[in-house]
N, C-alpha and C. Protein backbone atom coordinates (compact mmCIF):
# COMPACT_ATOMS: atom_id res chain seq x y z
N MET A 1 -23.95 80.46 142.82
CA MET A 1 -23.35 81.31 143.85
C MET A 1 -21.83 81.25 143.73
N ASN A 2 -21.16 82.36 143.99
CA ASN A 2 -19.70 82.40 143.99
C ASN A 2 -19.20 82.12 145.40
N VAL A 3 -18.53 80.98 145.56
CA VAL A 3 -18.15 80.50 146.89
C VAL A 3 -16.64 80.41 147.00
N LEU A 4 -16.10 80.98 148.07
CA LEU A 4 -14.68 80.86 148.39
C LEU A 4 -14.51 79.78 149.44
N VAL A 5 -13.71 78.77 149.13
CA VAL A 5 -13.39 77.72 150.10
C VAL A 5 -11.96 77.94 150.58
N ILE A 6 -11.83 78.28 151.85
CA ILE A 6 -10.52 78.51 152.46
C ILE A 6 -10.08 77.21 153.13
N GLY A 7 -8.86 76.79 152.80
CA GLY A 7 -8.41 75.48 153.25
C GLY A 7 -8.77 74.40 152.26
N ALA A 8 -8.83 74.78 150.99
CA ALA A 8 -9.32 73.88 149.94
C ALA A 8 -8.40 72.68 149.72
N ASN A 9 -7.16 72.78 150.14
CA ASN A 9 -6.25 71.65 149.92
C ASN A 9 -6.43 70.54 150.95
N GLY A 10 -7.15 70.82 152.03
CA GLY A 10 -7.44 69.78 153.01
C GLY A 10 -8.47 68.80 152.48
N ASN A 11 -8.61 67.67 153.17
CA ASN A 11 -9.53 66.64 152.70
C ASN A 11 -10.97 67.13 152.62
N ILE A 12 -11.44 67.79 153.67
CA ILE A 12 -12.81 68.32 153.66
C ILE A 12 -12.93 69.41 152.60
N GLY A 13 -11.91 70.25 152.50
CA GLY A 13 -11.94 71.33 151.52
C GLY A 13 -12.07 70.83 150.09
N LYS A 14 -11.27 69.83 149.74
CA LYS A 14 -11.32 69.28 148.38
C LYS A 14 -12.69 68.69 148.08
N LEU A 15 -13.21 67.90 149.03
CA LEU A 15 -14.52 67.28 148.84
C LEU A 15 -15.60 68.34 148.68
N THR A 16 -15.53 69.39 149.50
CA THR A 16 -16.53 70.45 149.45
C THR A 16 -16.49 71.18 148.11
N CYS A 17 -15.28 71.49 147.64
CA CYS A 17 -15.14 72.17 146.35
C CYS A 17 -15.81 71.36 145.23
N ASN A 18 -15.55 70.06 145.20
CA ASN A 18 -16.09 69.22 144.14
C ASN A 18 -17.61 69.07 144.22
N ILE A 19 -18.13 68.95 145.44
CA ILE A 19 -19.59 68.86 145.61
C ILE A 19 -20.25 70.14 145.11
N LEU A 20 -19.73 71.29 145.53
CA LEU A 20 -20.31 72.57 145.13
C LEU A 20 -20.21 72.78 143.63
N ALA A 21 -19.07 72.40 143.05
CA ALA A 21 -18.89 72.55 141.61
C ALA A 21 -19.88 71.68 140.85
N ASP A 22 -20.09 70.45 141.34
CA ASP A 22 -21.07 69.56 140.70
C ASP A 22 -22.49 70.12 140.79
N GLN A 23 -22.75 70.91 141.84
CA GLN A 23 -24.07 71.52 142.01
C GLN A 23 -24.24 72.78 141.16
N GLY A 24 -23.18 73.20 140.48
CA GLY A 24 -23.27 74.34 139.58
C GLY A 24 -22.77 75.65 140.15
N HIS A 25 -22.25 75.62 141.38
CA HIS A 25 -21.68 76.84 141.95
C HIS A 25 -20.33 77.15 141.31
N SER A 26 -19.95 78.43 141.35
CA SER A 26 -18.60 78.84 140.94
C SER A 26 -17.73 78.87 142.19
N VAL A 27 -16.71 78.05 142.22
CA VAL A 27 -15.92 77.85 143.43
C VAL A 27 -14.51 78.42 143.24
N LYS A 28 -14.09 79.23 144.21
CA LYS A 28 -12.69 79.62 144.32
C LYS A 28 -12.07 78.75 145.41
N ALA A 29 -11.11 77.95 145.02
CA ALA A 29 -10.43 77.07 145.96
C ALA A 29 -9.11 77.73 146.36
N MET A 30 -9.03 78.21 147.60
CA MET A 30 -7.82 78.91 148.04
C MET A 30 -6.80 77.90 148.56
N VAL A 31 -5.62 77.91 147.94
CA VAL A 31 -4.52 77.04 148.33
C VAL A 31 -3.25 77.87 148.50
N ARG A 32 -2.28 77.31 149.22
CA ARG A 32 -1.06 78.06 149.52
C ARG A 32 0.02 77.90 148.46
N LYS A 33 0.04 76.76 147.75
CA LYS A 33 1.15 76.46 146.86
C LYS A 33 0.66 76.21 145.44
N GLU A 34 1.49 76.60 144.47
CA GLU A 34 1.12 76.45 143.06
C GLU A 34 0.83 74.99 142.71
N GLU A 35 1.63 74.07 143.24
CA GLU A 35 1.42 72.66 142.89
C GLU A 35 0.07 72.13 143.40
N GLN A 36 -0.48 72.78 144.43
CA GLN A 36 -1.78 72.35 144.94
C GLN A 36 -2.92 72.73 143.99
N GLN A 37 -2.67 73.70 143.13
CA GLN A 37 -3.70 74.11 142.17
C GLN A 37 -4.02 72.98 141.20
N GLU A 38 -3.08 72.08 141.00
CA GLU A 38 -3.26 71.00 140.03
C GLU A 38 -4.30 69.97 140.48
N HIS A 39 -4.67 69.99 141.77
CA HIS A 39 -5.64 69.03 142.28
C HIS A 39 -7.06 69.32 141.78
N PHE A 40 -7.28 70.52 141.25
CA PHE A 40 -8.65 70.97 140.95
C PHE A 40 -8.84 71.05 139.43
N LYS A 41 -9.54 70.07 138.90
CA LYS A 41 -9.73 69.95 137.45
C LYS A 41 -11.14 70.34 136.99
N HIS A 42 -12.07 70.46 137.93
CA HIS A 42 -13.47 70.74 137.56
C HIS A 42 -13.57 72.12 136.91
N PRO A 43 -14.34 72.24 135.83
CA PRO A 43 -14.45 73.54 135.15
C PRO A 43 -15.07 74.64 136.01
N ASN A 44 -15.82 74.26 137.05
CA ASN A 44 -16.44 75.27 137.92
C ASN A 44 -15.55 75.68 139.08
N ILE A 45 -14.32 75.14 139.13
CA ILE A 45 -13.41 75.46 140.23
C ILE A 45 -12.22 76.25 139.70
N GLU A 46 -11.97 77.40 140.33
CA GLU A 46 -10.77 78.18 140.06
C GLU A 46 -9.87 78.11 141.30
N ALA A 47 -8.72 77.47 141.18
CA ALA A 47 -7.78 77.40 142.30
C ALA A 47 -6.97 78.69 142.35
N VAL A 48 -7.05 79.37 143.49
CA VAL A 48 -6.36 80.66 143.64
C VAL A 48 -5.35 80.56 144.78
N LEU A 49 -4.26 81.29 144.64
CA LEU A 49 -3.22 81.28 145.67
C LEU A 49 -3.54 82.29 146.76
N GLY A 50 -3.45 81.84 147.99
CA GLY A 50 -3.66 82.71 149.13
C GLY A 50 -3.11 82.04 150.38
N ASP A 51 -2.50 82.81 151.26
CA ASP A 51 -1.86 82.28 152.46
C ASP A 51 -2.47 82.97 153.67
N LEU A 52 -3.02 82.17 154.59
CA LEU A 52 -3.66 82.72 155.79
C LEU A 52 -2.70 83.55 156.63
N GLU A 53 -1.40 83.30 156.48
CA GLU A 53 -0.42 84.02 157.27
C GLU A 53 0.11 85.26 156.54
N GLN A 54 -0.46 85.54 155.34
CA GLN A 54 -0.07 86.72 154.56
C GLN A 54 -1.33 87.53 154.25
N ASP A 55 -1.24 88.41 153.26
CA ASP A 55 -2.39 89.20 152.81
C ASP A 55 -3.12 88.41 151.71
N PHE A 56 -4.39 88.09 151.93
CA PHE A 56 -5.14 87.35 150.91
C PHE A 56 -6.45 88.05 150.57
N ASP A 57 -6.45 89.36 150.68
CA ASP A 57 -7.63 90.17 150.36
C ASP A 57 -8.11 89.92 148.93
N HIS A 58 -7.18 89.67 148.01
CA HIS A 58 -7.51 89.57 146.59
C HIS A 58 -8.47 88.42 146.28
N VAL A 59 -8.50 87.38 147.10
CA VAL A 59 -9.33 86.21 146.78
C VAL A 59 -10.81 86.45 147.07
N PHE A 60 -11.13 87.56 147.74
CA PHE A 60 -12.52 87.84 148.12
C PHE A 60 -13.29 88.60 147.04
N LYS A 61 -12.67 88.90 145.94
CA LYS A 61 -13.35 89.66 144.88
C LYS A 61 -14.55 88.87 144.35
N ASP A 62 -15.73 89.51 144.36
CA ASP A 62 -16.97 88.96 143.79
C ASP A 62 -17.40 87.66 144.47
N ILE A 63 -17.16 87.54 145.78
CA ILE A 63 -17.53 86.34 146.53
C ILE A 63 -18.86 86.54 147.26
N ASP A 64 -19.76 85.55 147.15
CA ASP A 64 -21.05 85.60 147.85
C ASP A 64 -20.99 84.92 149.22
N ALA A 65 -20.23 83.83 149.31
CA ALA A 65 -20.19 83.06 150.55
C ALA A 65 -18.78 82.50 150.76
N VAL A 66 -18.42 82.33 152.02
CA VAL A 66 -17.13 81.77 152.39
C VAL A 66 -17.36 80.50 153.21
N ILE A 67 -16.61 79.45 152.89
CA ILE A 67 -16.59 78.24 153.70
C ILE A 67 -15.16 78.08 154.20
N PHE A 68 -14.99 78.16 155.53
CA PHE A 68 -13.66 78.09 156.14
C PHE A 68 -13.43 76.68 156.66
N THR A 69 -12.59 75.92 155.95
CA THR A 69 -12.30 74.55 156.35
C THR A 69 -10.84 74.38 156.78
N ALA A 70 -10.10 75.48 156.84
CA ALA A 70 -8.68 75.39 157.17
C ALA A 70 -8.50 74.95 158.62
N GLY A 71 -7.44 74.19 158.85
CA GLY A 71 -7.13 73.77 160.20
C GLY A 71 -5.73 73.21 160.26
N SER A 72 -5.04 73.51 161.34
CA SER A 72 -3.68 73.00 161.50
C SER A 72 -3.70 71.56 162.00
N GLY A 73 -4.87 71.11 162.50
CA GLY A 73 -4.94 69.80 163.13
C GLY A 73 -4.45 69.87 164.56
N GLY A 74 -4.69 68.82 165.30
CA GLY A 74 -4.33 68.84 166.71
C GLY A 74 -2.89 68.46 166.98
N HIS A 75 -2.09 68.22 165.95
CA HIS A 75 -0.75 67.67 166.16
C HIS A 75 0.36 68.62 165.75
N THR A 76 0.01 69.84 165.34
CA THR A 76 1.05 70.83 165.03
C THR A 76 1.38 71.59 166.31
N GLY A 77 2.42 72.40 166.25
CA GLY A 77 2.79 73.18 167.43
C GLY A 77 1.80 74.30 167.69
N PRO A 78 1.83 74.84 168.92
CA PRO A 78 0.88 75.91 169.30
C PRO A 78 0.94 77.13 168.39
N GLU A 79 2.15 77.50 167.92
CA GLU A 79 2.26 78.70 167.09
C GLU A 79 1.54 78.53 165.76
N LYS A 80 1.68 77.36 165.13
CA LYS A 80 1.00 77.11 163.86
C LYS A 80 -0.51 77.03 164.07
N THR A 81 -0.91 76.42 165.18
CA THR A 81 -2.34 76.35 165.50
C THR A 81 -2.93 77.74 165.63
N ASP A 82 -2.25 78.61 166.37
CA ASP A 82 -2.73 79.98 166.53
C ASP A 82 -2.77 80.72 165.20
N ALA A 83 -1.73 80.51 164.37
CA ALA A 83 -1.62 81.24 163.10
C ALA A 83 -2.73 80.85 162.13
N VAL A 84 -3.12 79.58 162.12
CA VAL A 84 -4.13 79.10 161.16
C VAL A 84 -5.53 79.12 161.75
N ASP A 85 -5.70 78.42 162.86
CA ASP A 85 -7.04 78.18 163.39
C ASP A 85 -7.64 79.41 164.07
N TYR A 86 -6.82 80.28 164.60
CA TYR A 86 -7.35 81.49 165.22
C TYR A 86 -7.08 82.72 164.35
N GLU A 87 -5.81 83.08 164.18
CA GLU A 87 -5.50 84.32 163.47
C GLU A 87 -5.95 84.26 162.02
N GLY A 88 -5.76 83.13 161.36
CA GLY A 88 -6.20 82.99 159.96
C GLY A 88 -7.70 83.09 159.84
N ALA A 89 -8.41 82.50 160.80
CA ALA A 89 -9.88 82.59 160.79
C ALA A 89 -10.33 84.02 161.02
N VAL A 90 -9.69 84.72 161.95
CA VAL A 90 -10.07 86.12 162.23
C VAL A 90 -9.84 87.00 161.01
N LYS A 91 -8.70 86.81 160.34
CA LYS A 91 -8.45 87.57 159.10
C LYS A 91 -9.55 87.30 158.08
N SER A 92 -9.94 86.05 157.96
CA SER A 92 -10.98 85.68 156.99
C SER A 92 -12.31 86.34 157.33
N ILE A 93 -12.65 86.33 158.60
CA ILE A 93 -13.90 86.95 159.06
C ILE A 93 -13.88 88.45 158.77
N ASN A 94 -12.78 89.10 159.08
CA ASN A 94 -12.66 90.54 158.85
C ASN A 94 -12.75 90.88 157.37
N LEU A 95 -12.11 90.09 156.53
CA LEU A 95 -12.17 90.33 155.09
C LEU A 95 -13.58 90.06 154.55
N ALA A 96 -14.26 89.06 155.10
CA ALA A 96 -15.62 88.77 154.66
C ALA A 96 -16.55 89.94 155.00
N GLN A 97 -16.33 90.55 156.16
CA GLN A 97 -17.13 91.72 156.53
C GLN A 97 -16.81 92.90 155.61
N LYS A 98 -15.52 93.09 155.34
CA LYS A 98 -15.09 94.19 154.46
C LYS A 98 -15.73 94.06 153.08
N HIS A 99 -15.84 92.83 152.58
CA HIS A 99 -16.35 92.60 151.23
C HIS A 99 -17.85 92.26 151.22
N HIS A 100 -18.50 92.41 152.36
CA HIS A 100 -19.97 92.24 152.47
C HIS A 100 -20.42 90.87 151.95
N VAL A 101 -19.73 89.84 152.41
CA VAL A 101 -20.09 88.47 152.05
C VAL A 101 -21.42 88.09 152.68
N ASN A 102 -22.25 87.37 151.95
CA ASN A 102 -23.61 87.05 152.41
C ASN A 102 -23.67 85.97 153.48
N GLN A 103 -22.72 85.04 153.47
CA GLN A 103 -22.75 83.94 154.43
C GLN A 103 -21.33 83.47 154.71
N PHE A 104 -21.06 83.16 155.98
CA PHE A 104 -19.76 82.64 156.39
C PHE A 104 -19.99 81.35 157.15
N ILE A 105 -19.49 80.25 156.59
CA ILE A 105 -19.66 78.93 157.19
C ILE A 105 -18.31 78.47 157.73
N MET A 106 -18.27 78.15 159.01
CA MET A 106 -17.02 77.80 159.69
C MET A 106 -17.03 76.34 160.12
N VAL A 107 -15.96 75.63 159.81
CA VAL A 107 -15.77 74.29 160.37
C VAL A 107 -14.98 74.43 161.66
N SER A 108 -15.63 74.11 162.77
CA SER A 108 -15.00 74.17 164.08
C SER A 108 -14.79 72.73 164.57
N SER A 109 -15.07 72.45 165.81
CA SER A 109 -14.88 71.11 166.35
C SER A 109 -15.75 70.90 167.58
N ILE A 110 -16.29 69.71 167.71
CA ILE A 110 -16.91 69.36 168.99
C ILE A 110 -15.88 69.58 170.09
N GLY A 111 -16.32 70.18 171.18
CA GLY A 111 -15.42 70.47 172.28
C GLY A 111 -14.87 71.87 172.26
N ALA A 112 -15.14 72.63 171.19
CA ALA A 112 -14.62 74.00 171.11
C ALA A 112 -15.28 74.92 172.13
N ASP A 113 -16.47 74.56 172.59
CA ASP A 113 -17.14 75.40 173.58
C ASP A 113 -16.56 75.19 174.99
N THR A 114 -15.94 74.03 175.23
CA THR A 114 -15.34 73.73 176.53
C THR A 114 -13.95 73.10 176.32
N PRO A 115 -13.00 73.86 175.81
CA PRO A 115 -11.69 73.28 175.48
C PRO A 115 -10.97 72.70 176.69
N GLU A 116 -11.24 73.26 177.86
CA GLU A 116 -10.55 72.78 179.07
C GLU A 116 -10.95 71.35 179.43
N LYS A 117 -12.05 70.87 178.86
CA LYS A 117 -12.51 69.51 179.14
C LYS A 117 -12.01 68.50 178.09
N GLY A 118 -11.35 68.99 177.07
CA GLY A 118 -10.86 68.12 176.01
C GLY A 118 -9.60 67.38 176.41
N PRO A 119 -9.17 66.43 175.57
CA PRO A 119 -7.90 65.73 175.83
C PRO A 119 -6.76 66.73 175.93
N GLU A 120 -5.82 66.46 176.81
CA GLU A 120 -4.76 67.43 177.09
C GLU A 120 -4.05 67.88 175.82
N GLY A 121 -3.79 66.94 174.91
CA GLY A 121 -3.06 67.29 173.70
C GLY A 121 -3.85 68.11 172.71
N LEU A 122 -5.16 68.21 172.91
CA LEU A 122 -6.02 68.96 171.98
C LEU A 122 -6.54 70.27 172.56
N GLN A 123 -6.22 70.54 173.82
CA GLN A 123 -6.84 71.70 174.46
C GLN A 123 -6.45 73.02 173.81
N HIS A 124 -5.20 73.16 173.41
CA HIS A 124 -4.78 74.41 172.76
C HIS A 124 -5.50 74.58 171.41
N TYR A 125 -5.60 73.49 170.67
CA TYR A 125 -6.32 73.50 169.38
C TYR A 125 -7.78 73.89 169.58
N LEU A 126 -8.43 73.28 170.56
CA LEU A 126 -9.84 73.58 170.82
C LEU A 126 -10.02 75.01 171.30
N GLU A 127 -9.07 75.52 172.07
CA GLU A 127 -9.14 76.90 172.53
C GLU A 127 -9.02 77.87 171.35
N ALA A 128 -8.14 77.56 170.39
CA ALA A 128 -8.02 78.39 169.19
C ALA A 128 -9.33 78.39 168.42
N LYS A 129 -9.96 77.23 168.30
CA LYS A 129 -11.26 77.13 167.63
C LYS A 129 -12.32 77.94 168.38
N ARG A 130 -12.31 77.83 169.71
CA ARG A 130 -13.30 78.57 170.51
C ARG A 130 -13.17 80.07 170.28
N LYS A 131 -11.94 80.57 170.31
CA LYS A 131 -11.74 82.01 170.13
C LYS A 131 -12.16 82.46 168.73
N ALA A 132 -11.85 81.65 167.73
CA ALA A 132 -12.26 81.99 166.37
C ALA A 132 -13.78 81.99 166.23
N ASP A 133 -14.42 80.97 166.81
CA ASP A 133 -15.88 80.90 166.78
C ASP A 133 -16.49 82.14 167.40
N ASN A 134 -15.94 82.57 168.53
CA ASN A 134 -16.49 83.72 169.24
C ASN A 134 -16.36 85.01 168.43
N VAL A 135 -15.26 85.15 167.70
CA VAL A 135 -15.10 86.33 166.83
C VAL A 135 -16.19 86.31 165.76
N LEU A 136 -16.46 85.14 165.19
CA LEU A 136 -17.50 85.04 164.17
C LEU A 136 -18.88 85.32 164.75
N LEU A 137 -19.13 84.81 165.96
CA LEU A 137 -20.42 85.04 166.61
C LEU A 137 -20.68 86.52 166.87
N GLU A 138 -19.61 87.25 167.14
CA GLU A 138 -19.74 88.68 167.46
C GLU A 138 -19.64 89.57 166.22
N SER A 139 -19.44 88.98 165.05
CA SER A 139 -19.32 89.75 163.82
C SER A 139 -20.69 90.14 163.28
N SER A 140 -20.67 90.89 162.21
CA SER A 140 -21.91 91.30 161.55
C SER A 140 -22.37 90.28 160.50
N LEU A 141 -21.64 89.18 160.37
CA LEU A 141 -21.89 88.23 159.29
C LEU A 141 -23.06 87.28 159.59
N ASN A 142 -23.68 86.81 158.54
CA ASN A 142 -24.64 85.71 158.63
C ASN A 142 -23.82 84.44 158.73
N TYR A 143 -23.71 83.90 159.94
CA TYR A 143 -22.77 82.81 160.19
C TYR A 143 -23.49 81.47 160.37
N THR A 144 -22.73 80.41 160.09
CA THR A 144 -23.09 79.05 160.44
C THR A 144 -21.81 78.38 160.91
N ILE A 145 -21.86 77.78 162.11
CA ILE A 145 -20.68 77.11 162.66
C ILE A 145 -20.98 75.64 162.87
N LEU A 146 -20.21 74.78 162.19
CA LEU A 146 -20.34 73.34 162.33
C LEU A 146 -19.26 72.84 163.28
N ARG A 147 -19.66 71.99 164.22
CA ARG A 147 -18.70 71.40 165.15
C ARG A 147 -18.76 69.87 165.02
N PRO A 148 -18.02 69.33 164.05
CA PRO A 148 -18.07 67.88 163.83
C PRO A 148 -17.29 67.12 164.91
N GLY A 149 -17.67 65.84 165.07
CA GLY A 149 -16.93 64.95 165.94
C GLY A 149 -15.64 64.50 165.29
N ALA A 150 -15.09 63.40 165.78
CA ALA A 150 -13.84 62.87 165.26
C ALA A 150 -13.99 62.56 163.77
N LEU A 151 -13.05 63.03 162.99
CA LEU A 151 -13.14 62.90 161.53
C LEU A 151 -12.53 61.58 161.06
N ILE A 152 -13.26 60.87 160.20
CA ILE A 152 -12.77 59.61 159.67
C ILE A 152 -12.83 59.63 158.15
N ASP A 153 -11.99 58.82 157.52
CA ASP A 153 -11.92 58.79 156.06
C ASP A 153 -12.75 57.64 155.52
N GLU A 154 -14.04 57.88 155.43
CA GLU A 154 -14.97 56.93 154.81
C GLU A 154 -15.85 57.71 153.84
N ASP A 155 -16.51 56.99 152.94
CA ASP A 155 -17.37 57.65 151.96
C ASP A 155 -18.58 58.31 152.61
N GLY A 156 -19.09 57.70 153.68
CA GLY A 156 -20.27 58.26 154.34
C GLY A 156 -21.54 57.92 153.60
N MET A 157 -22.64 58.00 154.33
CA MET A 157 -23.95 57.65 153.78
C MET A 157 -24.87 58.86 153.66
N GLY A 158 -24.36 60.05 154.03
CA GLY A 158 -25.21 61.23 154.02
C GLY A 158 -26.22 61.23 155.15
N LEU A 159 -25.91 60.50 156.22
CA LEU A 159 -26.80 60.38 157.38
C LEU A 159 -26.06 60.89 158.61
N ILE A 160 -26.68 61.81 159.34
CA ILE A 160 -26.00 62.47 160.46
C ILE A 160 -26.93 62.64 161.66
N GLN A 161 -26.33 62.99 162.79
CA GLN A 161 -27.02 63.60 163.92
C GLN A 161 -26.52 65.04 164.01
N ALA A 162 -27.42 65.97 164.17
CA ALA A 162 -27.03 67.37 164.29
C ALA A 162 -27.90 68.06 165.33
N LYS A 163 -27.27 68.61 166.34
CA LYS A 163 -27.98 69.35 167.38
C LYS A 163 -27.07 70.48 167.88
N LYS A 164 -27.69 71.46 168.51
CA LYS A 164 -26.89 72.53 169.10
C LYS A 164 -25.92 71.95 170.12
N LYS A 165 -26.37 70.93 170.86
CA LYS A 165 -25.50 70.23 171.80
C LYS A 165 -25.91 68.76 171.81
N LEU A 166 -25.04 67.91 171.32
CA LEU A 166 -25.34 66.48 171.26
C LEU A 166 -25.15 65.85 172.64
N ASP A 167 -25.89 64.77 172.88
CA ASP A 167 -25.79 64.06 174.15
C ASP A 167 -24.60 63.09 174.17
N GLU A 168 -23.97 62.90 173.04
CA GLU A 168 -22.88 61.94 172.95
C GLU A 168 -21.79 62.46 172.03
N ARG A 169 -20.61 61.89 172.17
CA ARG A 169 -19.52 62.16 171.25
C ARG A 169 -19.49 61.03 170.23
N GLY A 170 -18.93 61.29 169.08
CA GLY A 170 -18.87 60.26 168.06
C GLY A 170 -18.00 60.72 166.92
N SER A 171 -18.02 59.99 165.84
CA SER A 171 -17.22 60.31 164.67
C SER A 171 -18.11 60.62 163.48
N ILE A 172 -17.50 61.13 162.43
CA ILE A 172 -18.25 61.44 161.22
C ILE A 172 -17.28 61.40 160.03
N PRO A 173 -17.68 60.80 158.92
CA PRO A 173 -16.83 60.81 157.73
C PRO A 173 -16.63 62.25 157.22
N ARG A 174 -15.42 62.53 156.78
CA ARG A 174 -15.15 63.85 156.20
C ARG A 174 -16.08 64.14 155.02
N ALA A 175 -16.44 63.10 154.28
CA ALA A 175 -17.33 63.29 153.14
C ALA A 175 -18.69 63.81 153.58
N ASP A 176 -19.17 63.36 154.74
CA ASP A 176 -20.47 63.84 155.22
C ASP A 176 -20.37 65.24 155.81
N VAL A 177 -19.21 65.61 156.34
CA VAL A 177 -19.01 67.00 156.74
C VAL A 177 -19.08 67.89 155.50
N ALA A 178 -18.43 67.47 154.42
CA ALA A 178 -18.45 68.24 153.17
C ALA A 178 -19.87 68.34 152.62
N ARG A 179 -20.61 67.24 152.66
CA ARG A 179 -22.01 67.28 152.20
C ARG A 179 -22.85 68.23 153.05
N THR A 180 -22.58 68.24 154.35
CA THR A 180 -23.32 69.14 155.25
C THR A 180 -22.97 70.59 154.97
N LEU A 181 -21.70 70.87 154.72
CA LEU A 181 -21.31 72.23 154.36
C LEU A 181 -22.05 72.70 153.11
N ALA A 182 -22.12 71.84 152.10
CA ALA A 182 -22.81 72.20 150.87
C ALA A 182 -24.30 72.44 151.13
N ALA A 183 -24.88 71.64 152.04
CA ALA A 183 -26.30 71.78 152.35
C ALA A 183 -26.58 73.05 153.15
N CYS A 184 -25.57 73.57 153.83
CA CYS A 184 -25.74 74.81 154.60
C CYS A 184 -25.73 76.05 153.70
N LEU A 185 -25.12 75.94 152.54
CA LEU A 185 -24.96 77.10 151.67
C LEU A 185 -26.32 77.64 151.24
N GLY A 186 -26.58 78.90 151.57
CA GLY A 186 -27.84 79.53 151.20
C GLY A 186 -29.06 79.01 151.93
N ASN A 187 -28.84 78.24 153.00
CA ASN A 187 -29.94 77.60 153.73
C ASN A 187 -30.32 78.46 154.93
N GLU A 188 -31.51 79.06 154.89
CA GLU A 188 -31.94 79.94 155.98
C GLU A 188 -32.11 79.20 157.30
N LYS A 189 -32.30 77.89 157.26
CA LYS A 189 -32.49 77.11 158.48
C LYS A 189 -31.24 77.13 159.36
N VAL A 190 -30.07 77.36 158.76
CA VAL A 190 -28.84 77.34 159.54
C VAL A 190 -28.27 78.74 159.73
N SER A 191 -29.04 79.76 159.38
CA SER A 191 -28.60 81.14 159.58
C SER A 191 -28.42 81.41 161.08
N HIS A 192 -27.27 81.93 161.45
CA HIS A 192 -26.94 82.23 162.85
C HIS A 192 -27.11 81.01 163.75
N GLN A 193 -26.63 79.87 163.26
CA GLN A 193 -26.71 78.63 164.02
C GLN A 193 -25.31 78.08 164.30
N VAL A 194 -25.18 77.48 165.48
CA VAL A 194 -23.99 76.71 165.85
C VAL A 194 -24.47 75.32 166.21
N PHE A 195 -23.90 74.29 165.58
CA PHE A 195 -24.38 72.95 165.90
C PHE A 195 -23.27 71.92 165.80
N GLU A 196 -23.45 70.87 166.60
CA GLU A 196 -22.53 69.73 166.58
C GLU A 196 -23.08 68.67 165.65
N LEU A 197 -22.20 67.86 165.04
CA LEU A 197 -22.68 66.80 164.17
C LEU A 197 -21.76 65.60 164.22
N ILE A 198 -22.39 64.44 164.21
CA ILE A 198 -21.70 63.16 164.10
C ILE A 198 -22.54 62.30 163.15
N GLU A 199 -22.03 61.13 162.80
CA GLU A 199 -22.81 60.26 161.92
C GLU A 199 -24.05 59.77 162.67
N GLY A 200 -25.12 59.56 161.90
CA GLY A 200 -26.37 59.16 162.52
C GLY A 200 -27.28 58.47 161.53
N GLU A 201 -28.57 58.69 161.68
CA GLU A 201 -29.55 57.98 160.85
C GLU A 201 -30.48 58.92 160.09
N MET A 202 -30.21 60.23 160.16
CA MET A 202 -31.11 61.19 159.54
C MET A 202 -30.45 61.82 158.31
N PRO A 203 -31.15 61.92 157.19
CA PRO A 203 -30.58 62.61 156.03
C PRO A 203 -30.17 64.03 156.39
N ILE A 204 -29.10 64.49 155.77
CA ILE A 204 -28.52 65.78 156.14
C ILE A 204 -29.54 66.91 156.08
N GLN A 205 -30.28 67.01 154.99
CA GLN A 205 -31.22 68.10 154.84
C GLN A 205 -32.28 68.09 155.94
N THR A 206 -32.76 66.90 156.28
CA THR A 206 -33.77 66.76 157.33
C THR A 206 -33.18 67.18 158.68
N ALA A 207 -31.96 66.73 158.94
CA ALA A 207 -31.30 67.07 160.21
C ALA A 207 -31.14 68.58 160.35
N LEU A 208 -30.79 69.25 159.27
CA LEU A 208 -30.63 70.70 159.33
C LEU A 208 -31.96 71.41 159.54
N GLU A 209 -33.01 70.89 158.92
CA GLU A 209 -34.33 71.48 159.09
C GLU A 209 -34.84 71.35 160.53
N ASN A 210 -34.34 70.32 161.24
CA ASN A 210 -34.80 70.05 162.59
C ASN A 210 -33.97 70.72 163.67
N LEU A 211 -32.98 71.51 163.27
CA LEU A 211 -32.14 72.18 164.27
C LEU A 211 -32.97 73.11 165.16
């Protein structure tokens, strides 16, 4: 499958690109700067230049699926958050519809459904995620929205909890978010699904089948 990863220079994006490439997919890794292209050495990965705040229509040529992992994080200013997490996501959704992409997988965040209940410093970020999620939900695309808990830098065990609404908050290794994204690709079980995920005791594929 020809997969476009938006936000490929981020930690989750890089991991996802490499997992998909190892699985035999053809990956377009969208990055903003030429020097970021050097991070991608796998023969199945083509690093392409594209900026969410500019016109990036060209990167959608011959794409079957999009994985949107871009994020400003909760510590940038409101303007950058809006530009990347909301406006950049909306542009991506619109371009995916224009190019008749088969699947659009979005990395959102736990708490995006109720941003007003989040920590004060994260409420604007969560609100941007909520608005972007809603645009995707109302689109014509075959969507999957992942809402991971707090992201940590560990290798992960490939074991998660995944539900439409979890009973608890928790953390999850970025590596397991990337593995879950790869498992969602082409998976009918997650078609038109929104789910939260944290680390747990169930293999990723099993957890997705049980949604």
